[in-house]
Amino acid sequence: MKRNRADNARDDEIVPFIGIPRKWANPALKIYTIIFLAYGIWFGYQTLGNTAKPLIEKLTTFYTHLAAASVVEALLFVSLIQLGDILMYLTNRFRTDVEKVRAEGIEQGKAEGIEQGKVEAYRQWQAWNTRRMDAEAKGQPFDEPPPGPPKTSESGVSPD
């Protein structure tokens, strides 16, 4: 059977009575049924096969016990599924928060790096200008190039 968008949207719905996502309902029901049948077979063997009570009393005990056990199992099963759902929600929320903090940290680091680069460039220009003015005051020639990005040769490699 081919799945479409409507099916995927429907999978995210919550099953009203048990409160779990629809996509989990079928696997949960299968697991619940297997556990219930296995327990029923085991308890049936214990109740019906090993006692000397009358059959009607054995069957009454068997059915009342299974009825109570099915309710307890259902409550435990739904509780465990809800716990898993909560844990997945918290995990996704934590992951989103970590990614947000990481992105903010990267942006802050870039801004700090740009600011440090500006300070460093200003310092280099100030030192160059001081050397130029000193040479000019002493009447010496000053042929040092102004600071800036490193000059590259024609091969694209810095001469340093």
N, C-alpha and C. Protein backbone atom coordinates (compact mmCIF):
# COMPACT_ATOMS: atom_id res chain seq x y z
N MET A 1 0.83 -1.17 0.00
CA MET A 1 0.00 0.00 0.00
C MET A 1 0.88 1.24 0.00
N LYS A 2 0.59 2.16 -0.88
CA LYS A 2 1.38 3.37 -0.99
C LYS A 2 0.91 4.39 0.05
N ARG A 3 1.87 4.97 0.74
CA ARG A 3 1.53 5.97 1.75
C ARG A 3 1.57 7.37 1.12
N ASN A 4 0.71 8.23 1.60
CA ASN A 4 0.71 9.60 1.10
C ASN A 4 0.81 10.57 2.27
N ARG A 5 0.79 11.87 1.96
CA ARG A 5 0.93 12.88 2.99
C ARG A 5 -0.17 12.82 4.03
N ALA A 6 -1.36 12.51 3.61
CA ALA A 6 -2.48 12.43 4.56
C ALA A 6 -2.23 11.34 5.59
N ASP A 7 -1.65 10.21 5.15
CA ASP A 7 -1.34 9.14 6.09
C ASP A 7 -0.29 9.60 7.09
N ASN A 8 0.74 10.30 6.60
CA ASN A 8 1.80 10.76 7.49
C ASN A 8 1.26 11.76 8.49
N ALA A 9 0.38 12.65 8.06
CA ALA A 9 -0.21 13.62 8.99
C ALA A 9 -1.07 12.88 10.01
N ARG A 10 -1.75 11.85 9.57
CA ARG A 10 -2.61 11.08 10.47
C ARG A 10 -1.78 10.31 11.50
N ASP A 11 -0.56 9.90 11.14
CA ASP A 11 0.30 9.17 12.07
C ASP A 11 0.66 10.01 13.29
N ASP A 12 0.68 11.33 13.15
CA ASP A 12 1.03 12.19 14.27
C ASP A 12 -0.13 12.47 15.21
N GLU A 13 -1.34 12.04 14.81
CA GLU A 13 -2.51 12.23 15.67
C GLU A 13 -2.38 11.37 16.93
N ILE A 14 -3.07 11.79 17.96
CA ILE A 14 -3.09 11.04 19.20
C ILE A 14 -4.35 10.19 19.23
N VAL A 15 -4.21 8.92 19.55
CA VAL A 15 -5.36 8.03 19.68
C VAL A 15 -6.12 8.47 20.93
N PRO A 16 -7.40 8.83 20.79
CA PRO A 16 -8.12 9.45 21.90
C PRO A 16 -8.17 8.65 23.19
N PHE A 17 -8.49 7.40 23.14
CA PHE A 17 -8.72 6.65 24.38
C PHE A 17 -7.44 6.38 25.15
N ILE A 18 -6.37 6.03 24.44
CA ILE A 18 -5.14 5.66 25.15
C ILE A 18 -4.08 6.74 25.15
N GLY A 19 -4.24 7.79 24.35
CA GLY A 19 -3.35 8.94 24.41
C GLY A 19 -1.96 8.72 23.87
N ILE A 20 -1.79 7.84 22.90
CA ILE A 20 -0.48 7.64 22.29
C ILE A 20 -0.57 7.99 20.81
N PRO A 21 0.56 8.32 20.18
CA PRO A 21 0.52 8.63 18.75
C PRO A 21 -0.01 7.44 17.95
N ARG A 22 -0.78 7.74 16.90
CA ARG A 22 -1.41 6.69 16.09
C ARG A 22 -0.37 5.74 15.51
N LYS A 23 0.81 6.25 15.16
CA LYS A 23 1.82 5.38 14.56
C LYS A 23 2.34 4.33 15.55
N TRP A 24 2.15 4.56 16.84
CA TRP A 24 2.58 3.60 17.85
C TRP A 24 1.48 2.64 18.24
N ALA A 25 0.25 2.91 17.85
CA ALA A 25 -0.89 2.14 18.35
C ALA A 25 -0.82 0.67 17.89
N ASN A 26 -0.58 0.41 16.63
CA ASN A 26 -0.54 -0.98 16.15
C ASN A 26 0.60 -1.78 16.77
N PRO A 27 1.84 -1.27 16.75
CA PRO A 27 2.90 -2.06 17.42
C PRO A 27 2.62 -2.26 18.90
N ALA A 28 2.08 -1.24 19.56
CA ALA A 28 1.79 -1.36 20.99
C ALA A 28 0.71 -2.42 21.23
N LEU A 29 -0.31 -2.43 20.38
CA LEU A 29 -1.38 -3.43 20.53
C LEU A 29 -0.85 -4.84 20.31
N LYS A 30 0.04 -5.01 19.34
CA LYS A 30 0.62 -6.34 19.09
C LYS A 30 1.45 -6.80 20.28
N ILE A 31 2.28 -5.93 20.82
CA ILE A 31 3.10 -6.30 21.97
C ILE A 31 2.22 -6.60 23.18
N TYR A 32 1.21 -5.75 23.41
CA TYR A 32 0.27 -5.97 24.50
C TYR A 32 -0.40 -7.33 24.37
N THR A 33 -0.84 -7.67 23.16
CA THR A 33 -1.54 -8.94 22.93
C THR A 33 -0.62 -10.13 23.19
N ILE A 34 0.61 -10.04 22.73
CA ILE A 34 1.57 -11.14 22.94
C ILE A 34 1.82 -11.34 24.43
N ILE A 35 2.03 -10.24 25.16
CA ILE A 35 2.27 -10.36 26.60
C ILE A 35 1.04 -10.93 27.30
N PHE A 36 -0.14 -10.43 26.93
CA PHE A 36 -1.37 -10.89 27.56
C PHE A 36 -1.61 -12.37 27.29
N LEU A 37 -1.42 -12.81 26.05
CA LEU A 37 -1.61 -14.23 25.73
C LEU A 37 -0.60 -15.11 26.45
N ALA A 38 0.64 -14.69 26.48
CA ALA A 38 1.66 -15.48 27.18
C ALA A 38 1.32 -15.59 28.66
N TYR A 39 0.93 -14.47 29.26
CA TYR A 39 0.56 -14.51 30.68
C TYR A 39 -0.69 -15.36 30.88
N GLY A 40 -1.67 -15.22 29.98
CA GLY A 40 -2.89 -16.01 30.08
C GLY A 40 -2.62 -17.50 30.00
N ILE A 41 -1.74 -17.90 29.09
CA ILE A 41 -1.39 -19.32 28.96
C ILE A 41 -0.69 -19.82 30.22
N TRP A 42 0.26 -19.03 30.70
CA TRP A 42 0.98 -19.43 31.90
C TRP A 42 0.05 -19.52 33.11
N PHE A 43 -0.77 -18.47 33.29
CA PHE A 43 -1.67 -18.47 34.45
C PHE A 43 -2.75 -19.55 34.30
N GLY A 44 -3.21 -19.76 33.08
CA GLY A 44 -4.20 -20.82 32.84
C GLY A 44 -3.64 -22.18 33.21
N TYR A 45 -2.41 -22.43 32.84
CA TYR A 45 -1.77 -23.70 33.20
C TYR A 45 -1.68 -23.83 34.72
N GLN A 46 -1.29 -22.75 35.39
CA GLN A 46 -1.16 -22.78 36.84
C GLN A 46 -2.51 -22.96 37.53
N THR A 47 -3.52 -22.30 37.03
CA THR A 47 -4.84 -22.33 37.70
C THR A 47 -5.65 -23.57 37.36
N LEU A 48 -5.71 -23.87 36.08
CA LEU A 48 -6.60 -24.95 35.64
C LEU A 48 -5.97 -26.33 35.79
N GLY A 49 -4.67 -26.41 35.77
CA GLY A 49 -4.06 -27.72 35.75
C GLY A 49 -3.59 -28.26 37.07
N ASN A 50 -3.36 -27.43 38.04
CA ASN A 50 -2.68 -27.91 39.23
C ASN A 50 -3.52 -27.97 40.49
N THR A 51 -4.76 -27.61 40.43
CA THR A 51 -5.54 -27.60 41.68
C THR A 51 -6.66 -28.66 41.61
N ALA A 52 -7.16 -28.99 42.76
CA ALA A 52 -8.23 -29.99 42.84
C ALA A 52 -9.59 -29.33 43.04
N LYS A 53 -9.69 -28.07 42.73
CA LYS A 53 -10.97 -27.35 42.88
C LYS A 53 -11.91 -27.73 41.74
N PRO A 54 -13.20 -27.43 41.91
CA PRO A 54 -14.16 -27.69 40.83
C PRO A 54 -13.84 -26.78 39.63
N LEU A 55 -14.22 -27.24 38.44
CA LEU A 55 -13.91 -26.53 37.19
C LEU A 55 -14.49 -25.12 37.18
N ILE A 56 -15.71 -24.95 37.65
CA ILE A 56 -16.33 -23.62 37.63
C ILE A 56 -15.56 -22.64 38.50
N GLU A 57 -15.05 -23.10 39.62
CA GLU A 57 -14.26 -22.24 40.51
C GLU A 57 -12.92 -21.89 39.85
N LYS A 58 -12.32 -22.87 39.16
CA LYS A 58 -11.06 -22.61 38.43
C LYS A 58 -11.26 -21.57 37.35
N LEU A 59 -12.37 -21.73 36.56
CA LEU A 59 -12.64 -20.79 35.48
C LEU A 59 -12.95 -19.39 36.01
N THR A 60 -13.68 -19.32 37.09
CA THR A 60 -13.99 -18.03 37.69
C THR A 60 -12.72 -17.33 38.15
N THR A 61 -11.87 -18.05 38.82
CA THR A 61 -10.59 -17.50 39.26
C THR A 61 -9.76 -17.06 38.07
N PHE A 62 -9.72 -17.92 37.06
CA PHE A 62 -8.93 -17.63 35.86
C PHE A 62 -9.41 -16.34 35.17
N TYR A 63 -10.71 -16.23 34.91
CA TYR A 63 -11.24 -15.06 34.18
C TYR A 63 -11.17 -13.78 35.00
N THR A 64 -11.46 -13.85 36.28
CA THR A 64 -11.38 -12.62 37.09
C THR A 64 -9.94 -12.14 37.21
N HIS A 65 -9.02 -13.08 37.35
CA HIS A 65 -7.61 -12.70 37.43
C HIS A 65 -7.14 -12.10 36.10
N LEU A 66 -7.52 -12.73 34.98
CA LEU A 66 -7.12 -12.20 33.68
C LEU A 66 -7.72 -10.83 33.41
N ALA A 67 -8.95 -10.60 33.84
CA ALA A 67 -9.58 -9.29 33.65
C ALA A 67 -8.81 -8.21 34.41
N ALA A 68 -8.47 -8.49 35.64
CA ALA A 68 -7.71 -7.53 36.43
C ALA A 68 -6.31 -7.34 35.85
N ALA A 69 -5.70 -8.43 35.43
CA ALA A 69 -4.35 -8.36 34.86
C ALA A 69 -4.35 -7.56 33.56
N SER A 70 -5.39 -7.68 32.76
CA SER A 70 -5.43 -6.94 31.49
C SER A 70 -5.52 -5.44 31.74
N VAL A 71 -6.26 -5.03 32.75
CA VAL A 71 -6.36 -3.61 33.09
C VAL A 71 -5.01 -3.09 33.59
N VAL A 72 -4.39 -3.83 34.49
CA VAL A 72 -3.09 -3.41 35.03
C VAL A 72 -2.06 -3.35 33.91
N GLU A 73 -2.05 -4.36 33.05
CA GLU A 73 -1.10 -4.38 31.95
C GLU A 73 -1.33 -3.19 31.01
N ALA A 74 -2.58 -2.90 30.71
CA ALA A 74 -2.90 -1.77 29.83
C ALA A 74 -2.43 -0.46 30.44
N LEU A 75 -2.69 -0.27 31.73
CA LEU A 75 -2.26 0.96 32.39
C LEU A 75 -0.73 1.09 32.39
N LEU A 76 -0.06 0.00 32.70
CA LEU A 76 1.40 0.02 32.67
C LEU A 76 1.93 0.29 31.27
N PHE A 77 1.32 -0.35 30.30
CA PHE A 77 1.76 -0.21 28.91
C PHE A 77 1.60 1.23 28.43
N VAL A 78 0.43 1.82 28.66
CA VAL A 78 0.19 3.21 28.24
C VAL A 78 1.11 4.15 29.01
N SER A 79 1.33 3.88 30.29
CA SER A 79 2.24 4.72 31.08
C SER A 79 3.65 4.67 30.53
N LEU A 80 4.13 3.49 30.18
CA LEU A 80 5.47 3.37 29.61
C LEU A 80 5.58 4.09 28.27
N ILE A 81 4.55 3.99 27.45
CA ILE A 81 4.56 4.67 26.16
C ILE A 81 4.56 6.19 26.37
N GLN A 82 3.76 6.65 27.33
CA GLN A 82 3.74 8.09 27.63
C GLN A 82 5.09 8.55 28.15
N LEU A 83 5.72 7.75 28.99
CA LEU A 83 7.04 8.08 29.49
C LEU A 83 8.04 8.18 28.34
N GLY A 84 7.99 7.22 27.42
CA GLY A 84 8.86 7.27 26.24
C GLY A 84 8.61 8.50 25.40
N ASP A 85 7.34 8.87 25.24
CA ASP A 85 6.99 10.06 24.48
C ASP A 85 7.54 11.32 25.15
N ILE A 86 7.42 11.39 26.47
CA ILE A 86 7.95 12.54 27.20
C ILE A 86 9.46 12.60 27.07
N LEU A 87 10.13 11.45 27.20
CA LEU A 87 11.59 11.44 27.06
C LEU A 87 12.03 11.88 25.67
N MET A 88 11.32 11.45 24.64
CA MET A 88 11.66 11.87 23.28
C MET A 88 11.43 13.37 23.11
N TYR A 89 10.33 13.88 23.68
CA TYR A 89 10.07 15.32 23.60
C TYR A 89 11.20 16.10 24.28
N LEU A 90 11.58 15.67 25.49
CA LEU A 90 12.64 16.37 26.21
C LEU A 90 13.98 16.28 25.48
N THR A 91 14.25 15.12 24.88
CA THR A 91 15.49 14.96 24.11
C THR A 91 15.51 15.91 22.92
N ASN A 92 14.41 15.98 22.19
CA ASN A 92 14.34 16.90 21.06
C ASN A 92 14.44 18.35 21.51
N ARG A 93 13.80 18.66 22.62
CA ARG A 93 13.87 20.03 23.15
C ARG A 93 15.29 20.38 23.55
N PHE A 94 15.97 19.45 24.23
CA PHE A 94 17.35 19.67 24.64
C PHE A 94 18.24 19.85 23.43
N ARG A 95 18.05 18.99 22.41
CA ARG A 95 18.86 19.08 21.19
C ARG A 95 18.66 20.43 20.51
N THR A 96 17.41 20.89 20.44
CA THR A 96 17.11 22.19 19.84
C THR A 96 17.77 23.31 20.63
N ASP A 97 17.69 23.23 21.96
CA ASP A 97 18.32 24.26 22.79
C ASP A 97 19.83 24.27 22.62
N VAL A 98 20.44 23.10 22.56
CA VAL A 98 21.89 23.02 22.37
C VAL A 98 22.28 23.62 21.02
N GLU A 99 21.53 23.29 19.98
CA GLU A 99 21.83 23.84 18.66
C GLU A 99 21.68 25.36 18.65
N LYS A 100 20.66 25.86 19.34
CA LYS A 100 20.45 27.30 19.41
C LYS A 100 21.62 27.98 20.14
N VAL A 101 22.02 27.44 21.28
CA VAL A 101 23.14 28.00 22.04
C VAL A 101 24.42 27.94 21.21
N ARG A 102 24.61 26.84 20.51
CA ARG A 102 25.80 26.68 19.66
C ARG A 102 25.82 27.74 18.55
N ALA A 103 24.67 27.94 17.90
CA ALA A 103 24.60 28.94 16.84
C ALA A 103 24.85 30.34 17.39
N GLU A 104 24.28 30.64 18.57
CA GLU A 104 24.53 31.93 19.19
C GLU A 104 26.00 32.10 19.54
N GLY A 105 26.63 31.03 20.02
CA GLY A 105 28.06 31.07 20.34
C GLY A 105 28.90 31.32 19.12
N ILE A 106 28.54 30.69 18.01
CA ILE A 106 29.29 30.89 16.77
C ILE A 106 29.16 32.34 16.31
N GLU A 107 27.94 32.86 16.36
CA GLU A 107 27.72 34.26 15.95
C GLU A 107 28.49 35.21 16.86
N GLN A 108 28.46 34.94 18.15
CA GLN A 108 29.18 35.79 19.09
C GLN A 108 30.68 35.71 18.84
N GLY A 109 31.18 34.50 18.55
CA GLY A 109 32.60 34.33 18.26
C GLY A 109 33.01 35.07 16.99
N LYS A 110 32.15 35.02 15.98
CA LYS A 110 32.45 35.76 14.75
C LYS A 110 32.51 37.25 15.02
N ALA A 111 31.53 37.75 15.78
CA ALA A 111 31.50 39.19 16.09
C ALA A 111 32.75 39.60 16.87
N GLU A 112 33.15 38.77 17.85
CA GLU A 112 34.35 39.07 18.62
C GLU A 112 35.59 39.01 17.74
N GLY A 113 35.63 38.04 16.83
CA GLY A 113 36.77 37.93 15.92
C GLY A 113 36.87 39.14 15.00
N ILE A 114 35.73 39.60 14.50
CA ILE A 114 35.73 40.80 13.64
C ILE A 114 36.22 42.01 14.43
N GLU A 115 35.72 42.14 15.65
CA GLU A 115 36.14 43.27 16.50
C GLU A 115 37.63 43.21 16.79
N GLN A 116 38.15 42.03 17.11
CA GLN A 116 39.59 41.88 17.37
C GLN A 116 40.40 42.18 16.10
N GLY A 117 39.86 41.76 14.96
CA GLY A 117 40.54 42.05 13.70
C GLY A 117 40.62 43.54 13.44
N LYS A 118 39.54 44.27 13.74
CA LYS A 118 39.55 45.72 13.57
C LYS A 118 40.57 46.38 14.49
N VAL A 119 40.60 45.92 15.75
CA VAL A 119 41.57 46.48 16.71
C VAL A 119 42.99 46.21 16.24
N GLU A 120 43.24 45.00 15.78
CA GLU A 120 44.59 44.64 15.31
C GLU A 120 44.96 45.46 14.07
N ALA A 121 44.02 45.62 13.15
CA ALA A 121 44.30 46.42 11.95
C ALA A 121 44.58 47.87 12.32
N TYR A 122 43.81 48.42 13.25
CA TYR A 122 44.03 49.80 13.69
C TYR A 122 45.40 49.92 14.34
N ARG A 123 45.78 48.94 15.16
CA ARG A 123 47.10 48.97 15.82
C ARG A 123 48.22 48.95 14.79
N GLN A 124 48.07 48.09 13.76
CA GLN A 124 49.09 48.01 12.71
C GLN A 124 49.20 49.33 11.95
N TRP A 125 48.07 49.94 11.63
CA TRP A 125 48.08 51.23 10.92
C TRP A 125 48.69 52.32 11.79
N GLN A 126 48.35 52.31 13.07
CA GLN A 126 48.90 53.31 13.98
C GLN A 126 50.41 53.16 14.09
N ALA A 127 50.90 51.92 14.21
CA ALA A 127 52.35 51.70 14.30
C ALA A 127 53.03 52.11 12.99
N TRP A 128 52.43 51.78 11.86
CA TRP A 128 53.01 52.16 10.56
C TRP A 128 53.06 53.68 10.42
N ASN A 129 51.97 54.35 10.82
CA ASN A 129 51.91 55.80 10.70
C ASN A 129 52.92 56.46 11.62
N THR A 130 53.10 55.89 12.81
CA THR A 130 54.11 56.43 13.74
C THR A 130 55.50 56.30 13.13
N ARG A 131 55.82 55.15 12.55
CA ARG A 131 57.12 54.95 11.90
C ARG A 131 57.28 55.92 10.72
N ARG A 132 56.22 56.12 9.96
CA ARG A 132 56.27 57.03 8.81
C ARG A 132 56.52 58.47 9.27
N MET A 133 55.82 58.88 10.32
CA MET A 133 55.98 60.25 10.81
C MET A 133 57.36 60.46 11.41
N ASP A 134 57.89 59.42 12.12
CA ASP A 134 59.24 59.51 12.68
C ASP A 134 60.28 59.65 11.57
N ALA A 135 60.12 58.86 10.52
CA ALA A 135 61.06 58.92 9.40
C ALA A 135 60.95 60.28 8.70
N GLU A 136 59.77 60.77 8.57
CA GLU A 136 59.55 62.07 7.93
C GLU A 136 60.16 63.19 8.77
N ALA A 137 60.02 63.09 10.10
CA ALA A 137 60.59 64.11 11.00
C ALA A 137 62.11 64.09 10.97
N LYS A 138 62.69 62.90 10.78
CA LYS A 138 64.15 62.77 10.73
C LYS A 138 64.68 63.03 9.33
N GLY A 139 63.78 63.18 8.36
CA GLY A 139 64.19 63.42 6.98
C GLY A 139 64.69 62.17 6.28
N GLN A 140 64.34 61.02 6.77
CA GLN A 140 64.76 59.75 6.17
C GLN A 140 63.70 59.28 5.18
N PRO A 141 64.12 58.57 4.17
CA PRO A 141 63.12 58.04 3.25
C PRO A 141 62.31 56.91 3.94
N PHE A 142 61.06 56.83 3.61
CA PHE A 142 60.19 55.80 4.19
C PHE A 142 59.49 55.10 3.04
N ASP A 143 59.95 53.89 2.73
CA ASP A 143 59.36 53.15 1.62
C ASP A 143 58.62 51.88 2.07
N GLU A 144 58.31 51.79 3.34
CA GLU A 144 57.56 50.63 3.86
C GLU A 144 56.12 50.72 3.37
N PRO A 145 55.59 49.64 2.79
CA PRO A 145 54.21 49.70 2.31
C PRO A 145 53.23 49.74 3.49
N PRO A 146 52.08 50.35 3.30
CA PRO A 146 51.11 50.40 4.40
C PRO A 146 50.60 49.00 4.73
N PRO A 147 50.16 48.81 5.96
CA PRO A 147 49.67 47.48 6.32
C PRO A 147 48.39 47.16 5.56
N GLY A 148 48.17 45.89 5.37
CA GLY A 148 46.98 45.43 4.67
C GLY A 148 47.08 43.93 4.49
N PRO A 149 46.22 43.37 3.68
CA PRO A 149 46.32 41.92 3.45
C PRO A 149 47.65 41.60 2.80
N PRO A 150 48.20 40.43 3.06
CA PRO A 150 49.50 40.07 2.48
C PRO A 150 49.43 40.06 0.96
N LYS A 151 50.49 40.57 0.36
CA LYS A 151 50.59 40.59 -1.11
C LYS A 151 50.84 39.17 -1.58
N THR A 152 50.21 38.79 -2.66
CA THR A 152 50.43 37.46 -3.22
C THR A 152 51.16 37.60 -4.54
N SER A 153 51.96 36.61 -4.83
CA SER A 153 52.66 36.61 -6.09
C SER A 153 51.71 36.10 -7.17
N GLU A 154 52.18 36.07 -8.38
CA GLU A 154 51.33 35.62 -9.48
C GLU A 154 50.91 34.17 -9.33
N SER A 155 51.66 33.37 -8.61
CA SER A 155 51.31 31.98 -8.41
C SER A 155 50.23 31.83 -7.33
N GLY A 156 49.86 32.96 -6.66
CA GLY A 156 48.82 32.90 -5.66
C GLY A 156 49.33 32.53 -4.28
N VAL A 157 50.66 32.47 -4.11
CA VAL A 157 51.27 32.11 -2.83
C VAL A 157 51.92 33.33 -2.24
N SER A 158 51.75 33.55 -0.95
CA SER A 158 52.34 34.67 -0.25
C SER A 158 53.86 34.54 -0.28
N PRO A 159 54.60 35.66 -0.47
CA PRO A 159 56.06 35.57 -0.52
C PRO A 159 56.70 35.22 0.82
N ASP A 160 55.98 35.31 1.92
CA ASP A 160 56.56 35.00 3.25
C ASP A 160 56.82 33.56 3.42
